[in-house]
Amino acid sequence: MARILITGANRGLGLEFVEHYLESGDSVIATYRDENSSIDLIEKSNERSNLKLLQLDVSLNKSLNSFAENLGDTPIDIFINNAGVYGPRNSTFGNVDEENWIPAIKINAIAPILLTQLIIKNIRLGADKKLIYITSKMGSIDDNKGGGAYVYRSSKTALNAVVKSLSVDLENEGIVVALIHPGWVKTDMGGPNALIERDTSVRGMTEVISNLDITSTGNFYNYDGSIIPW
């Protein structure tokens, strides 16, 4: 039985990850930002003894530090950094402004490295020692043929760069680091026109995660296991 830490677990892919690992018999620590938007997750925690909830707002340094203190010395086998935002939908050329850009960069690219630094001791105490960051194919410079989406694209490209460096810095400790694109999924972020269901995405991603080892650290994966160019 592994212990899995999942951020942004109150809905969408995060909640699907929680359900998958609970059904697999693993122990899950799930984070949520506020109770009003986390009813399903909170109800699930009342039903499952292998699910623990901790409050976390990744946009606030105080919340990040409090979360790490509450986590204490709990060993973590797999960390899934799922929390993220899309930002303004109209961030096309001529509509980009600093006010909307900075929060997305902070949540999508800066918060993951800050949180990782705070919980690395927990990962070192774990058995699997896997750090997983949910990213997007829209962060691939090679794949960008459509332009636009300046805020979201740049925040995910920044995350990719951060995580690639992490993989290099932590490789000698045997810590496996990977980025995974979940596909275009029918969630609040992905919208109703998306191509795949949540369970299809998460089944694929969890299979990718289970197959990772130190020889595959630092890669950018699609949910089906294929490699995405940077």
C-alpha atoms as a PDB file:
ATOM      1  CA  MET A   1       0.000   0.000   0.000  1.00  0.00           C
ATOM      2  CA  ALA A   2       1.433   3.347  -1.076  1.00  0.00           C
ATOM      3  CA  ARG A   3       0.767   6.771   0.433  1.00  0.00           C
ATOM      4  CA  ILE A   4      -0.229   9.290  -2.237  1.00  0.00           C
ATOM      5  CA  LEU A   5      -0.350  13.081  -1.824  1.00  0.00           C
ATOM      6  CA  ILE A   6      -2.641  14.826  -4.332  1.00  0.00           C
ATOM      7  CA  THR A   7      -3.112  18.593  -4.550  1.00  0.00           C
ATOM      8  CA  GLY A   8      -6.193  20.244  -6.010  1.00  0.00           C
ATOM      9  CA  ALA A   9      -8.205  17.132  -5.200  1.00  0.00           C
ATOM     10  CA  ASN A  10     -11.651  18.651  -4.701  1.00  0.00           C
ATOM     11  CA  ARG A  11     -12.861  18.173  -8.293  1.00  0.00           C
ATOM     12  CA  GLY A  12     -11.975  17.123 -11.833  1.00  0.00           C
ATOM     13  CA  LEU A  13      -8.800  15.120 -12.323  1.00  0.00           C
ATOM     14  CA  GLY A  14      -7.753  15.577  -8.704  1.00  0.00           C
ATOM     15  CA  LEU A  15     -10.917  13.933  -7.401  1.00  0.00           C
ATOM     16  CA  GLU A  16     -10.598  11.196 -10.021  1.00  0.00           C
ATOM     17  CA  PHE A  17      -7.039  10.497  -8.834  1.00  0.00           C
ATOM     18  CA  VAL A  18      -8.341  10.248  -5.263  1.00  0.00           C
ATOM     19  CA  GLU A  19     -11.041   7.771  -6.247  1.00  0.00           C
ATOM     20  CA  HIS A  20      -8.605   5.648  -8.265  1.00  0.00           C
ATOM     21  CA  TYR A  21      -6.018   5.301  -5.520  1.00  0.00           C
ATOM     22  CA  LEU A  22      -8.637   4.698  -2.819  1.00  0.00           C
ATOM     23  CA  GLU A  23     -10.106   1.865  -4.882  1.00  0.00           C
ATOM     24  CA  SER A  24      -6.590   0.465  -5.294  1.00  0.00           C
ATOM     25  CA  GLY A  25      -6.318   0.280  -1.505  1.00  0.00           C
ATOM     26  CA  ASP A  26      -3.726   3.006  -1.183  1.00  0.00           C
ATOM     27  CA  SER A  27      -3.616   5.678   1.502  1.00  0.00           C
ATOM     28  CA  VAL A  28      -4.419   9.135   0.130  1.00  0.00           C
ATOM     29  CA  ILE A  29      -3.719  12.603   1.481  1.00  0.00           C
ATOM     30  CA  ALA A  30      -5.811  15.044  -0.538  1.00  0.00           C
ATOM     31  CA  THR A  31      -5.730  18.829  -0.439  1.00  0.00           C
ATOM     32  CA  TYR A  32      -8.546  21.277  -1.001  1.00  0.00           C
ATOM     33  CA  ARG A  33      -8.707  25.070  -0.921  1.00  0.00           C
ATOM     34  CA  ASP A  34     -12.115  25.730   0.633  1.00  0.00           C
ATOM     35  CA  GLU A  35     -14.998  23.642   1.946  1.00  0.00           C
ATOM     36  CA  ASN A  36     -17.735  25.171  -0.218  1.00  0.00           C
ATOM     37  CA  SER A  37     -16.200  23.804  -3.423  1.00  0.00           C
ATOM     38  CA  SER A  38     -15.158  20.481  -1.897  1.00  0.00           C
ATOM     39  CA  ILE A  39     -18.405  18.853  -0.785  1.00  0.00           C
ATOM     40  CA  ASP A  40     -17.882  15.600  -2.721  1.00  0.00           C
ATOM     41  CA  LEU A  41     -14.339  15.216  -1.417  1.00  0.00           C
ATOM     42  CA  ILE A  42     -15.360  15.915   2.177  1.00  0.00           C
ATOM     43  CA  GLU A  43     -18.212  13.410   1.968  1.00  0.00           C
ATOM     44  CA  LYS A  44     -15.819  10.823   0.603  1.00  0.00           C
ATOM     45  CA  SER A  45     -13.434  11.392   3.525  1.00  0.00           C
ATOM     46  CA  ASN A  46     -16.270  10.583   5.925  1.00  0.00           C
ATOM     47  CA  GLU A  47     -16.718   7.231   4.195  1.00  0.00           C
ATOM     48  CA  ARG A  48     -13.099   6.155   3.714  1.00  0.00           C
ATOM     49  CA  SER A  49     -10.592   5.582   6.482  1.00  0.00           C
ATOM     50  CA  ASN A  50      -7.695   5.623   4.008  1.00  0.00           C
ATOM     51  CA  LEU A  51      -8.401   9.238   2.960  1.00  0.00           C
ATOM     52  CA  LYS A  52      -7.059  12.221   4.887  1.00  0.00           C
ATOM     53  CA  LEU A  53      -7.853  15.810   3.937  1.00  0.00           C
ATOM     54  CA  LEU A  54      -5.617  18.840   4.463  1.00  0.00           C
ATOM     55  CA  GLN A  55      -6.447  22.398   3.514  1.00  0.00           C
ATOM     56  CA  LEU A  56      -4.051  24.113   1.127  1.00  0.00           C
ATOM     57  CA  ASP A  57      -4.156  27.251  -0.986  1.00  0.00           C
ATOM     58  CA  VAL A  58      -1.057  27.019  -3.177  1.00  0.00           C
ATOM     59  CA  SER A  59      -1.266  30.728  -4.022  1.00  0.00           C
ATOM     60  CA  LEU A  60      -0.471  31.699  -0.409  1.00  0.00           C
ATOM     61  CA  ASN A  61       2.967  31.177   1.138  1.00  0.00           C
ATOM     62  CA  LYS A  62       1.426  31.060   4.613  1.00  0.00           C
ATOM     63  CA  SER A  63      -0.842  28.217   3.546  1.00  0.00           C
ATOM     64  CA  LEU A  64       2.062  26.317   1.964  1.00  0.00           C
ATOM     65  CA  ASN A  65       4.081  26.559   5.178  1.00  0.00           C
ATOM     66  CA  SER A  66       1.116  25.585   7.372  1.00  0.00           C
ATOM     67  CA  PHE A  67       0.426  22.587   5.154  1.00  0.00           C
ATOM     68  CA  ALA A  68       4.016  21.366   5.475  1.00  0.00           C
ATOM     69  CA  GLU A  69       3.823  21.738   9.252  1.00  0.00           C
ATOM     70  CA  ASN A  70       0.580  19.739   9.359  1.00  0.00           C
ATOM     71  CA  LEU A  71       2.125  17.043   7.189  1.00  0.00           C
ATOM     72  CA  GLY A  72       4.968  16.704   9.672  1.00  0.00           C
ATOM     73  CA  ASP A  73       7.213  13.695   9.071  1.00  0.00           C
ATOM     74  CA  THR A  74       4.592  11.629   7.233  1.00  0.00           C
ATOM     75  CA  PRO A  75       6.313   9.553   4.525  1.00  0.00           C
ATOM     76  CA  ILE A  76       5.012  10.221   1.005  1.00  0.00           C
ATOM     77  CA  ASP A  77       5.558   7.642  -1.727  1.00  0.00           C
ATOM     78  CA  ILE A  78       4.001   9.528  -4.648  1.00  0.00           C
ATOM     79  CA  PHE A  79       3.323  13.274  -4.878  1.00  0.00           C
ATOM     80  CA  ILE A  80       0.907  14.369  -7.611  1.00  0.00           C
ATOM     81  CA  ASN A  81       0.958  18.124  -8.169  1.00  0.00           C
ATOM     82  CA  ASN A  82      -2.447  18.546  -9.761  1.00  0.00           C
ATOM     83  CA  ALA A  83      -3.477  22.014  -8.530  1.00  0.00           C
ATOM     84  CA  GLY A  84      -3.492  24.560 -11.325  1.00  0.00           C
ATOM     85  CA  VAL A  85      -5.461  27.240 -13.146  1.00  0.00           C
ATOM     86  CA  TYR A  86      -6.087  28.136 -16.760  1.00  0.00           C
ATOM     87  CA  GLY A  87      -6.222  31.867 -16.243  1.00  0.00           C
ATOM     88  CA  PRO A  88      -8.157  34.225 -18.522  1.00  0.00           C
ATOM     89  CA  ARG A  89      -9.655  32.500 -21.557  1.00  0.00           C
ATOM     90  CA  ASN A  90      -9.149  35.556 -23.739  1.00  0.00           C
ATOM     91  CA  SER A  91      -5.376  35.877 -23.342  1.00  0.00           C
ATOM     92  CA  THR A  92      -4.913  36.423 -27.051  1.00  0.00           C
ATOM     93  CA  PHE A  93      -2.568  39.008 -28.544  1.00  0.00           C
ATOM     94  CA  GLY A  94      -3.805  42.447 -27.533  1.00  0.00           C
ATOM     95  CA  ASN A  95      -5.636  41.161 -24.448  1.00  0.00           C
ATOM     96  CA  VAL A  96      -2.738  40.103 -22.223  1.00  0.00           C
ATOM     97  CA  ASP A  97      -2.172  42.046 -19.013  1.00  0.00           C
ATOM     98  CA  GLU A  98       0.050  41.658 -15.975  1.00  0.00           C
ATOM     99  CA  GLU A  99      -2.814  41.463 -13.493  1.00  0.00           C
ATOM    100  CA  ASN A 100      -4.083  38.149 -14.868  1.00  0.00           C
ATOM    101  CA  TRP A 101      -0.723  36.718 -15.889  1.00  0.00           C
ATOM    102  CA  ILE A 102       1.120  36.825 -12.562  1.00  0.00           C
ATOM    103  CA  PRO A 103      -1.385  34.734 -10.531  1.00  0.00           C
ATOM    104  CA  ALA A 104      -1.322  31.959 -13.149  1.00  0.00           C
ATOM    105  CA  ILE A 105       2.474  31.884 -13.191  1.00  0.00           C
ATOM    106  CA  LYS A 106       2.528  31.760  -9.395  1.00  0.00           C
ATOM    107  CA  ILE A 107       0.037  28.910  -9.092  1.00  0.00           C
ATOM    108  CA  ASN A 108       1.156  26.826 -12.079  1.00  0.00           C
ATOM    109  CA  ALA A 109       4.935  27.263 -12.002  1.00  0.00           C
ATOM    110  CA  ILE A 110       6.169  28.816  -8.750  1.00  0.00           C
ATOM    111  CA  ALA A 111       3.955  27.095  -6.168  1.00  0.00           C
ATOM    112  CA  PRO A 112       4.949  23.568  -7.317  1.00  0.00           C
ATOM    113  CA  ILE A 113       8.657  24.139  -6.647  1.00  0.00           C
ATOM    114  CA  LEU A 114       7.956  25.916  -3.350  1.00  0.00           C
ATOM    115  CA  LEU A 115       5.752  23.036  -2.205  1.00  0.00           C
ATOM    116  CA  THR A 116       8.270  20.443  -3.376  1.00  0.00           C
ATOM    117  CA  GLN A 117      11.014  22.118  -1.347  1.00  0.00           C
ATOM    118  CA  LEU A 118       8.761  22.002   1.728  1.00  0.00           C
ATOM    119  CA  ILE A 119       7.822  18.308   1.393  1.00  0.00           C
ATOM    120  CA  ILE A 120      11.040  16.838   0.025  1.00  0.00           C
ATOM    121  CA  LYS A 121      11.838  15.368   3.439  1.00  0.00           C
ATOM    122  CA  ASN A 122       8.562  13.440   3.250  1.00  0.00           C
ATOM    123  CA  ILE A 123       9.445  12.102  -0.191  1.00  0.00           C
ATOM    124  CA  ARG A 124      12.856  11.018   1.074  1.00  0.00           C
ATOM    125  CA  LEU A 125      11.102   9.033   3.808  1.00  0.00           C
ATOM    126  CA  GLY A 126       8.818   7.323   1.271  1.00  0.00           C
ATOM    127  CA  ALA A 127       9.391   4.104  -0.633  1.00  0.00           C
ATOM    128  CA  ASP A 128       8.496   4.959  -4.233  1.00  0.00           C
ATOM    129  CA  LYS A 129      10.005   8.458  -4.211  1.00  0.00           C
ATOM    130  CA  LYS A 130       8.030   9.780  -7.187  1.00  0.00           C
ATOM    131  CA  LEU A 131       7.245  13.436  -7.944  1.00  0.00           C
ATOM    132  CA  ILE A 132       4.553  13.876 -10.596  1.00  0.00           C
ATOM    133  CA  TYR A 133       3.475  17.216 -12.071  1.00  0.00           C
ATOM    134  CA  ILE A 134       0.328  17.525 -14.151  1.00  0.00           C
ATOM    135  CA  THR A 135       1.156  19.841 -17.035  1.00  0.00           C
ATOM    136  CA  SER A 136      -0.250  20.442 -20.506  1.00  0.00           C
ATOM    137  CA  LYS A 137       0.742  19.801 -24.081  1.00  0.00           C
ATOM    138  CA  MET A 138       0.031  23.504 -24.496  1.00  0.00           C
ATOM    139  CA  GLY A 139       3.285  24.067 -22.603  1.00  0.00           C
ATOM    140  CA  SER A 140       5.221  22.356 -25.388  1.00  0.00           C
ATOM    141  CA  ILE A 141       6.994  24.944 -27.544  1.00  0.00           C
ATOM    142  CA  ASP A 142       7.416  22.370 -30.300  1.00  0.00           C
ATOM    143  CA  ASP A 143       3.677  21.637 -30.331  1.00  0.00           C
ATOM    144  CA  ASN A 144       2.558  25.271 -30.431  1.00  0.00           C
ATOM    145  CA  LYS A 145       1.096  25.712 -33.890  1.00  0.00           C
ATOM    146  CA  GLY A 146      -1.983  27.679 -32.835  1.00  0.00           C
ATOM    147  CA  GLY A 147      -0.559  30.660 -30.973  1.00  0.00           C
ATOM    148  CA  GLY A 148      -2.598  32.592 -28.406  1.00  0.00           C
ATOM    149  CA  ALA A 149      -3.327  31.377 -24.854  1.00  0.00           C
ATOM    150  CA  TYR A 150      -0.284  33.372 -23.705  1.00  0.00           C
ATOM    151  CA  VAL A 151      -0.990  33.061 -19.990  1.00  0.00           C
ATOM    152  CA  TYR A 152      -1.698  29.342 -19.811  1.00  0.00           C
ATOM    153  CA  ARG A 153       0.946  28.293 -22.337  1.00  0.00           C
ATOM    154  CA  SER A 154       3.708  30.290 -20.666  1.00  0.00           C
ATOM    155  CA  SER A 155       2.809  29.106 -17.164  1.00  0.00           C
ATOM    156  CA  LYS A 156       2.967  25.458 -18.218  1.00  0.00           C
ATOM    157  CA  THR A 157       6.181  25.964 -20.200  1.00  0.00           C
ATOM    158  CA  ALA A 158       7.674  27.493 -17.053  1.00  0.00           C
ATOM    159  CA  LEU A 159       6.474  24.511 -15.006  1.00  0.00           C
ATOM    160  CA  ASN A 160       8.094  22.145 -17.508  1.00  0.00           C
ATOM    161  CA  ALA A 161      11.421  23.942 -17.157  1.00  0.00           C
ATOM    162  CA  VAL A 162      11.200  23.890 -13.357  1.00  0.00           C
ATOM    163  CA  VAL A 163      10.425  20.173 -13.239  1.00  0.00           C
ATOM    164  CA  LYS A 164      13.158  19.285 -15.734  1.00  0.00           C
ATOM    165  CA  SER A 165      15.682  20.948 -13.428  1.00  0.00           C
ATOM    166  CA  LEU A 166      14.201  19.091 -10.453  1.00  0.00           C
ATOM    167  CA  SER A 167      14.702  15.789 -12.236  1.00  0.00           C
ATOM    168  CA  VAL A 168      18.389  16.575 -12.753  1.00  0.00           C
ATOM    169  CA  ASP A 169      18.960  17.821  -9.210  1.00  0.00           C
ATOM    170  CA  LEU A 170      17.250  14.873  -7.490  1.00  0.00           C
ATOM    171  CA  GLU A 171      18.328  12.014  -9.733  1.00  0.00           C
ATOM    172  CA  ASN A 172      21.319  11.069  -7.585  1.00  0.00           C
ATOM    173  CA  GLU A 173      18.921  10.489  -4.664  1.00  0.00           C
ATOM    174  CA  GLY A 174      16.887   8.019  -6.685  1.00  0.00           C
ATOM    175  CA  ILE A 175      13.882  10.377  -6.755  1.00  0.00           C
ATOM    176  CA  VAL A 176      11.855   9.951  -9.952  1.00  0.00           C
ATOM    177  CA  VAL A 177      10.414  13.139 -11.454  1.00  0.00           C
ATOM    178  CA  ALA A 178       7.993  13.376 -14.379  1.00  0.00           C
ATOM    179  CA  LEU A 179       5.557  15.675 -16.173  1.00  0.00           C
ATOM    180  CA  ILE A 180       2.275  14.268 -17.505  1.00  0.00           C
ATOM    181  CA  HIS A 181      -0.213  15.782 -19.928  1.00  0.00           C
ATOM    182  CA  PRO A 182      -3.676  14.419 -19.050  1.00  0.00           C
ATOM    183  CA  GLY A 183      -5.120  14.909 -22.524  1.00  0.00           C
ATOM    184  CA  TRP A 184      -8.035  17.182 -23.328  1.00  0.00           C
ATOM    185  CA  VAL A 185     -10.375  16.030 -20.571  1.00  0.00           C
ATOM    186  CA  LYS A 186     -14.047  16.781 -19.875  1.00  0.00           C
ATOM    187  CA  THR A 187     -13.603  18.790 -16.678  1.00  0.00           C
ATOM    188  CA  ASP A 188     -14.498  22.321 -15.613  1.00  0.00           C
ATOM    189  CA  MET A 189     -11.196  23.451 -17.131  1.00  0.00           C
ATOM    190  CA  GLY A 190     -11.341  21.282 -20.232  1.00  0.00           C
ATOM    191  CA  GLY A 191     -14.977  22.071 -21.013  1.00  0.00           C
ATOM    192  CA  PRO A 192     -17.765  19.923 -22.514  1.00  0.00           C
ATOM    193  CA  ASN A 193     -16.154  19.679 -25.956  1.00  0.00           C
ATOM    194  CA  ALA A 194     -13.075  17.875 -24.655  1.00  0.00           C
ATOM    195  CA  LEU A 195     -12.137  14.537 -26.179  1.00  0.00           C
ATOM    196  CA  ILE A 196     -11.784  12.113 -23.254  1.00  0.00           C
ATOM    197  CA  GLU A 197     -13.454  11.304 -19.938  1.00  0.00           C
ATOM    198  CA  ARG A 198     -11.767  11.777 -16.559  1.00  0.00           C
ATOM    199  CA  ASP A 199     -11.477   8.055 -15.823  1.00  0.00           C
ATOM    200  CA  THR A 200      -9.772   7.379 -19.171  1.00  0.00           C
ATOM    201  CA  SER A 201      -7.200  10.084 -18.469  1.00  0.00           C
ATOM    202  CA  VAL A 202      -6.496   9.044 -14.893  1.00  0.00           C
ATOM    203  CA  ARG A 203      -6.272   5.332 -15.729  1.00  0.00           C
ATOM    204  CA  GLY A 204      -3.660   6.187 -18.331  1.00  0.00           C
ATOM    205  CA  MET A 205      -1.724   8.552 -16.070  1.00  0.00           C
ATOM    206  CA  THR A 206      -1.652   6.165 -13.110  1.00  0.00           C
ATOM    207  CA  GLU A 207      -0.300   3.448 -15.396  1.00  0.00           C
ATOM    208  CA  VAL A 208       2.434   5.837 -16.542  1.00  0.00           C
ATOM    209  CA  ILE A 209       3.216   6.640 -12.899  1.00  0.00           C
ATOM    210  CA  SER A 210       3.400   2.983 -11.878  1.00  0.00           C
ATOM    211  CA  ASN A 211       5.831   2.219 -14.715  1.00  0.00           C
ATOM    212  CA  LEU A 212       8.226   5.076 -13.923  1.00  0.00           C
ATOM    213  CA  ASP A 213      11.676   4.359 -12.579  1.00  0.00           C
ATOM    214  CA  ILE A 214      14.913   6.298 -12.295  1.00  0.00           C
ATOM    215  CA  THR A 215      15.824   5.512 -15.911  1.00  0.00           C
ATOM    216  CA  SER A 216      12.741   7.419 -17.093  1.00  0.00           C
ATOM    217  CA  THR A 217      13.073  10.452 -14.834  1.00  0.00           C
ATOM    218  CA  GLY A 218      12.782  13.912 -16.359  1.00  0.00           C
ATOM    219  CA  ASN A 219      10.461  13.045 -19.243  1.00  0.00           C
ATOM    220  CA  PHE A 220       7.339  14.815 -20.526  1.00  0.00           C
ATOM    221  CA  TYR A 221       4.623  12.190 -21.006  1.00  0.00           C
ATOM    222  CA  ASN A 222       1.220  12.054 -22.597  1.00  0.00           C
ATOM    223  CA  TYR A 223      -1.424  10.213 -20.547  1.00  0.00           C
ATOM    224  CA  ASP A 224      -1.036   7.221 -22.902  1.00  0.00           C
ATOM    225  CA  GLY A 225       2.661   6.903 -22.097  1.00  0.00           C
ATOM    226  CA  SER A 226       4.039   8.458 -25.272  1.00  0.00           C
ATOM    227  CA  ILE A 227       6.722  11.137 -25.034  1.00  0.00           C
ATOM    228  CA  ILE A 228       5.792  14.743 -25.816  1.00  0.00           C
ATOM    229  CA  PRO A 229       8.535  16.961 -27.336  1.00  0.00           C
ATOM    230  CA  TRP A 230       9.514  20.008 -25.300  1.00  0.00           C
END
